[in-house]
């Protein structure tokens, strides 16, 4: 996923800083996602390995949710906060699932659902930053047009 703010007509330092933070976040999430896929799930340390990567992903979401969002993209701030909330719930739930003595498939499904919701919001953020109108699953629309701010 690549964030692009070109063509917005705003070269403000705050916008440039946000663009860099969004790009760094995207790169970090892609890298950590690749790390997850490379974990040997048959190893004795697979649970700890998965949790370590998820903890790093959670840290990246937390940091991104704290980045100062330019007014041109004010709708992104709420989405970033929501994404962070969902990711933190997911990480916590995965810890409970993978550290338990017995596997709870329902709890794992809830953890995955929160993970998916967090990642969906990252997709929405990418669309907004690219100037694409976003329709949320519940039918609400977020359309960010910097020319109307």
C-alpha atoms as a PDB file:
ATOM      1  CA  UNK A   1       0.000   0.000   0.000  1.00  0.00           C
ATOM      2  CA  UNK A   2       1.454   3.338  -1.003  1.00  0.00           C
ATOM      3  CA  UNK A   3       0.271   6.665   0.329  1.00  0.00           C
ATOM      4  CA  UNK A   4       0.331   9.471  -2.175  1.00  0.00           C
ATOM      5  CA  UNK A   5      -0.463  13.094  -1.530  1.00  0.00           C
ATOM      6  CA  UNK A   6       0.729  14.414  -4.859  1.00  0.00           C
ATOM      7  CA  UNK A   7      -1.576  16.714  -6.697  1.00  0.00           C
ATOM      8  CA  UNK A   8      -3.131  18.122  -3.537  1.00  0.00           C
ATOM      9  CA  UNK A   9      -1.644  21.547  -4.141  1.00  0.00           C
ATOM     10  CA  UNK A  10      -0.379  21.845  -0.578  1.00  0.00           C
ATOM     11  CA  UNK A  11       3.344  21.805   0.121  1.00  0.00           C
ATOM     12  CA  UNK A  12       2.915  22.850   3.745  1.00  0.00           C
ATOM     13  CA  UNK A  13       5.611  21.454   6.054  1.00  0.00           C
ATOM     14  CA  UNK A  14       2.958  19.815   8.231  1.00  0.00           C
ATOM     15  CA  UNK A  15       1.527  18.031   5.198  1.00  0.00           C
ATOM     16  CA  UNK A  16       5.000  16.936   4.074  1.00  0.00           C
ATOM     17  CA  UNK A  17       5.748  15.632   7.563  1.00  0.00           C
ATOM     18  CA  UNK A  18       2.451  13.737   7.617  1.00  0.00           C
ATOM     19  CA  UNK A  19       3.128  12.281   4.182  1.00  0.00           C
ATOM     20  CA  UNK A  20       6.487  10.965   5.441  1.00  0.00           C
ATOM     21  CA  UNK A  21       4.890   9.538   8.599  1.00  0.00           C
ATOM     22  CA  UNK A  22       2.176   7.819   6.550  1.00  0.00           C
ATOM     23  CA  UNK A  23       4.774   6.372   4.200  1.00  0.00           C
ATOM     24  CA  UNK A  24       6.916   5.161   7.110  1.00  0.00           C
ATOM     25  CA  UNK A  25       3.848   3.589   8.748  1.00  0.00           C
ATOM     26  CA  UNK A  26       2.908   1.828   5.542  1.00  0.00           C
ATOM     27  CA  UNK A  27       6.415   0.478   5.071  1.00  0.00           C
ATOM     28  CA  UNK A  28       6.553  -0.725   8.683  1.00  0.00           C
ATOM     29  CA  UNK A  29       3.209  -2.519   8.423  1.00  0.00           C
ATOM     30  CA  UNK A  30       4.187  -4.180   5.144  1.00  0.00           C
ATOM     31  CA  UNK A  31       7.522  -5.299   6.613  1.00  0.00           C
ATOM     32  CA  UNK A  32       5.920  -6.669   9.761  1.00  0.00           C
ATOM     33  CA  UNK A  33       3.195  -8.375   7.757  1.00  0.00           C
ATOM     34  CA  UNK A  34       5.908 -10.139   5.775  1.00  0.00           C
ATOM     35  CA  UNK A  35       7.596 -11.142   9.047  1.00  0.00           C
ATOM     36  CA  UNK A  36       4.334 -12.746  10.187  1.00  0.00           C
ATOM     37  CA  UNK A  37       4.108 -14.854   7.050  1.00  0.00           C
ATOM     38  CA  UNK A  38       7.664 -16.117   7.505  1.00  0.00           C
ATOM     39  CA  UNK A  39       7.164 -17.462  11.030  1.00  0.00           C
ATOM     40  CA  UNK A  40       7.486 -21.230  11.226  1.00  0.00           C
ATOM     41  CA  UNK A  41       4.232 -22.154  12.931  1.00  0.00           C
ATOM     42  CA  UNK A  42       5.587 -25.606  13.769  1.00  0.00           C
ATOM     43  CA  UNK A  43       8.431 -24.222  15.884  1.00  0.00           C
ATOM     44  CA  UNK A  44       8.318 -24.307  19.674  1.00  0.00           C
ATOM     45  CA  UNK A  45       8.584 -20.517  19.749  1.00  0.00           C
ATOM     46  CA  UNK A  46       5.971 -19.736  17.098  1.00  0.00           C
ATOM     47  CA  UNK A  47       3.466 -18.244  19.554  1.00  0.00           C
ATOM     48  CA  UNK A  48       6.088 -15.961  21.062  1.00  0.00           C
ATOM     49  CA  UNK A  49       7.357 -15.045  17.605  1.00  0.00           C
ATOM     50  CA  UNK A  50       3.857 -14.143  16.396  1.00  0.00           C
ATOM     51  CA  UNK A  51       3.164 -12.114  19.537  1.00  0.00           C
ATOM     52  CA  UNK A  52       6.448 -10.217  19.206  1.00  0.00           C
ATOM     53  CA  UNK A  53       5.592  -9.164  15.663  1.00  0.00           C
ATOM     54  CA  UNK A  54       2.024  -8.272  16.669  1.00  0.00           C
ATOM     55  CA  UNK A  55       3.379  -6.188  19.542  1.00  0.00           C
ATOM     56  CA  UNK A  56       5.554  -4.305  17.022  1.00  0.00           C
ATOM     57  CA  UNK A  57       2.562  -3.789  14.750  1.00  0.00           C
ATOM     58  CA  UNK A  58       0.591  -2.469  17.709  1.00  0.00           C
ATOM     59  CA  UNK A  59       3.398  -0.045  18.502  1.00  0.00           C
ATOM     60  CA  UNK A  60       3.391   1.202  14.904  1.00  0.00           C
ATOM     61  CA  UNK A  61      -0.369   1.761  14.983  1.00  0.00           C
ATOM     62  CA  UNK A  62      -0.086   3.611  18.292  1.00  0.00           C
ATOM     63  CA  UNK A  63       2.658   5.872  16.952  1.00  0.00           C
ATOM     64  CA  UNK A  64       0.767   6.602  13.734  1.00  0.00           C
ATOM     65  CA  UNK A  65      -2.404   7.475  15.651  1.00  0.00           C
ATOM     66  CA  UNK A  66      -0.411  10.130  17.521  1.00  0.00           C
ATOM     67  CA  UNK A  67       0.910  11.868  14.392  1.00  0.00           C
ATOM     68  CA  UNK A  68      -0.412  15.406  13.952  1.00  0.00           C
ATOM     69  CA  UNK A  69      -2.846  15.275  11.020  1.00  0.00           C
ATOM     70  CA  UNK A  70      -3.015  18.269   8.656  1.00  0.00           C
ATOM     71  CA  UNK A  71      -6.431  19.942   8.483  1.00  0.00           C
ATOM     72  CA  UNK A  72      -6.646  18.958   4.815  1.00  0.00           C
ATOM     73  CA  UNK A  73      -7.071  15.372   5.986  1.00  0.00           C
ATOM     74  CA  UNK A  74      -8.942  15.781   9.257  1.00  0.00           C
ATOM     75  CA  UNK A  75     -11.113  12.707   8.620  1.00  0.00           C
ATOM     76  CA  UNK A  76      -7.979  10.569   8.663  1.00  0.00           C
ATOM     77  CA  UNK A  77      -7.366  11.369  12.322  1.00  0.00           C
ATOM     78  CA  UNK A  78     -10.487   9.527  13.526  1.00  0.00           C
ATOM     79  CA  UNK A  79      -9.741   6.595  11.243  1.00  0.00           C
ATOM     80  CA  UNK A  80      -6.176   6.371  12.552  1.00  0.00           C
ATOM     81  CA  UNK A  81      -7.494   6.435  16.120  1.00  0.00           C
ATOM     82  CA  UNK A  82     -10.055   3.744  15.283  1.00  0.00           C
ATOM     83  CA  UNK A  83      -7.414   1.641  13.548  1.00  0.00           C
ATOM     84  CA  UNK A  84      -5.197   1.899  16.608  1.00  0.00           C
ATOM     85  CA  UNK A  85      -8.050   0.943  18.938  1.00  0.00           C
ATOM     86  CA  UNK A  86      -8.872  -2.124  16.867  1.00  0.00           C
ATOM     87  CA  UNK A  87      -5.220  -3.137  16.593  1.00  0.00           C
ATOM     88  CA  UNK A  88      -4.668  -2.798  20.334  1.00  0.00           C
ATOM     89  CA  UNK A  89      -7.763  -4.977  20.950  1.00  0.00           C
ATOM     90  CA  UNK A  90      -6.428  -7.503  18.464  1.00  0.00           C
ATOM     91  CA  UNK A  91      -2.959  -7.653  19.987  1.00  0.00           C
ATOM     92  CA  UNK A  92      -4.402  -8.061  23.482  1.00  0.00           C
ATOM     93  CA  UNK A  93      -6.781 -10.781  22.301  1.00  0.00           C
ATOM     94  CA  UNK A  94      -4.024 -12.644  20.453  1.00  0.00           C
ATOM     95  CA  UNK A  95      -1.937 -12.581  23.617  1.00  0.00           C
ATOM     96  CA  UNK A  96      -4.818 -14.147  25.515  1.00  0.00           C
ATOM     97  CA  UNK A  97      -5.366 -16.773  22.822  1.00  0.00           C
ATOM     98  CA  UNK A  98      -1.739 -17.725  22.286  1.00  0.00           C
ATOM     99  CA  UNK A  99      -0.738 -17.634  25.941  1.00  0.00           C
ATOM    100  CA  UNK A 100      -3.678 -19.772  27.100  1.00  0.00           C
ATOM    101  CA  UNK A 101      -3.287 -23.434  27.955  1.00  0.00           C
ATOM    102  CA  UNK A 102      -5.993 -24.404  25.474  1.00  0.00           C
ATOM    103  CA  UNK A 103      -6.785 -22.879  22.103  1.00  0.00           C
ATOM    104  CA  UNK A 104     -10.047 -20.925  21.909  1.00  0.00           C
ATOM    105  CA  UNK A 105     -11.140 -20.700  18.278  1.00  0.00           C
ATOM    106  CA  UNK A 106     -13.900 -18.192  19.016  1.00  0.00           C
ATOM    107  CA  UNK A 107     -11.480 -15.868  20.808  1.00  0.00           C
ATOM    108  CA  UNK A 108      -9.018 -16.231  17.943  1.00  0.00           C
ATOM    109  CA  UNK A 109     -11.764 -15.295  15.477  1.00  0.00           C
ATOM    110  CA  UNK A 110     -12.546 -12.156  17.507  1.00  0.00           C
ATOM    111  CA  UNK A 111      -8.848 -11.251  17.579  1.00  0.00           C
ATOM    112  CA  UNK A 112      -8.648 -11.677  13.810  1.00  0.00           C
ATOM    113  CA  UNK A 113     -11.824  -9.624  13.313  1.00  0.00           C
ATOM    114  CA  UNK A 114     -10.284  -6.706  15.229  1.00  0.00           C
ATOM    115  CA  UNK A 115      -7.090  -7.096  13.186  1.00  0.00           C
ATOM    116  CA  UNK A 116      -9.118  -6.955   9.952  1.00  0.00           C
ATOM    117  CA  UNK A 117     -11.018  -3.860  11.101  1.00  0.00           C
ATOM    118  CA  UNK A 118      -7.737  -2.114  11.890  1.00  0.00           C
ATOM    119  CA  UNK A 119      -6.299  -3.002   8.501  1.00  0.00           C
ATOM    120  CA  UNK A 120      -9.517  -1.935   6.725  1.00  0.00           C
ATOM    121  CA  UNK A 121      -9.167   1.489   8.287  1.00  0.00           C
ATOM    122  CA  UNK A 122      -5.592   1.688   7.033  1.00  0.00           C
ATOM    123  CA  UNK A 123      -7.004   1.028   3.575  1.00  0.00           C
ATOM    124  CA  UNK A 124      -9.568   3.796   4.049  1.00  0.00           C
ATOM    125  CA  UNK A 125      -6.790   6.161   5.110  1.00  0.00           C
ATOM    126  CA  UNK A 126      -4.785   5.289   2.010  1.00  0.00           C
ATOM    127  CA  UNK A 127      -7.816   5.957  -0.185  1.00  0.00           C
ATOM    128  CA  UNK A 128      -8.496   9.318   1.455  1.00  0.00           C
ATOM    129  CA  UNK A 129      -4.889  10.389   1.094  1.00  0.00           C
ATOM    130  CA  UNK A 130      -5.068   9.417  -2.579  1.00  0.00           C
ATOM    131  CA  UNK A 131      -8.261  11.482  -2.999  1.00  0.00           C
ATOM    132  CA  UNK A 132     -10.600   8.512  -3.373  1.00  0.00           C
ATOM    133  CA  UNK A 133     -14.049   8.796  -1.713  1.00  0.00           C
ATOM    134  CA  UNK A 134     -14.455   6.146   0.953  1.00  0.00           C
ATOM    135  CA  UNK A 135     -17.609   4.256   1.801  1.00  0.00           C
ATOM    136  CA  UNK A 136     -17.474   2.554   5.159  1.00  0.00           C
ATOM    137  CA  UNK A 137     -19.045  -0.843   5.673  1.00  0.00           C
ATOM    138  CA  UNK A 138     -21.974   0.717   7.540  1.00  0.00           C
ATOM    139  CA  UNK A 139     -22.818   2.922   4.553  1.00  0.00           C
ATOM    140  CA  UNK A 140     -21.332   6.157   5.900  1.00  0.00           C
ATOM    141  CA  UNK A 141     -19.128   7.988   3.455  1.00  0.00           C
ATOM    142  CA  UNK A 142     -15.951   9.863   4.144  1.00  0.00           C
ATOM    143  CA  UNK A 143     -15.015  12.117   1.289  1.00  0.00           C
ATOM    144  CA  UNK A 144     -11.943  14.225   1.825  1.00  0.00           C
ATOM    145  CA  UNK A 145     -11.491  17.034  -0.648  1.00  0.00           C
ATOM    146  CA  UNK A 146      -8.843  19.508   0.412  1.00  0.00           C
ATOM    147  CA  UNK A 147     -10.392  22.164  -1.833  1.00  0.00           C
ATOM    148  CA  UNK A 148     -13.449  22.343   0.454  1.00  0.00           C
ATOM    149  CA  UNK A 149     -11.474  22.973   3.654  1.00  0.00           C
END
